[in-house]
């Protein structure tokens, strides 16, 4: 919803659905920071 609002503030016109990913990617498609990291996973003893 924030993307649609921000698109309107930017003066974009047309179907609001077209602006659902205008600035921010959908939460369901966002990867976690661990997935974005290129570091080697560390196992802990427990």
Protein backbone atom coordinates (compact mmCIF):
# COMPACT_ATOMS: atom_id res chain seq x y z
CA UNK A 1 0.00 0.00 0.00
CA UNK A 2 2.90 2.36 0.74
CA UNK A 3 4.18 1.97 -2.83
CA UNK A 4 0.83 2.96 -4.30
CA UNK A 5 0.66 6.01 -2.03
CA UNK A 6 4.23 7.06 -2.87
CA UNK A 7 3.58 6.62 -6.59
CA UNK A 8 0.63 8.99 -6.28
CA UNK A 9 2.81 11.50 -4.43
CA UNK A 10 5.30 11.26 -7.30
CA UNK A 11 2.50 12.24 -9.69
CA UNK A 12 2.19 8.88 -11.43
CA UNK A 13 -1.15 8.19 -13.04
CA UNK A 14 -2.96 5.08 -14.17
CA UNK A 15 -3.86 1.79 -12.55
CA UNK A 16 -2.65 1.77 -8.91
CA UNK A 17 -1.92 -1.97 -9.12
CA UNK A 18 0.90 -1.16 -11.55
CA UNK A 19 2.77 0.61 -8.73
CA UNK A 20 2.67 -2.07 -6.03
CA UNK A 21 6.45 -2.53 -6.29
CA UNK A 22 7.28 1.08 -7.19
CA UNK A 23 9.88 1.68 -4.44
CA UNK A 24 9.83 -1.22 -2.03
CA UNK A 25 9.88 -4.88 -3.05
CA UNK A 26 7.03 -7.01 -1.71
CA UNK A 27 7.72 -8.46 1.73
CA UNK A 28 7.02 -12.03 0.60
CA UNK A 29 9.71 -11.71 -2.10
CA UNK A 30 12.30 -10.12 0.18
CA UNK A 31 15.22 -12.31 1.15
CA UNK A 32 16.47 -12.44 4.71
CA UNK A 33 19.82 -10.79 5.54
CA UNK A 34 21.35 -14.26 5.94
CA UNK A 35 20.41 -15.14 2.36
CA UNK A 36 21.88 -11.88 1.05
CA UNK A 37 25.14 -12.36 2.93
CA UNK A 38 28.07 -13.97 1.19
CA UNK A 39 29.67 -15.07 4.45
CA UNK A 40 30.20 -18.71 5.39
CA UNK A 41 27.58 -20.09 7.80
CA UNK A 42 28.88 -20.85 11.30
CA UNK A 43 27.55 -23.78 13.32
CA UNK A 44 27.30 -23.50 17.08
CA UNK A 45 27.59 -26.28 19.61
CA UNK A 46 24.65 -26.61 21.86
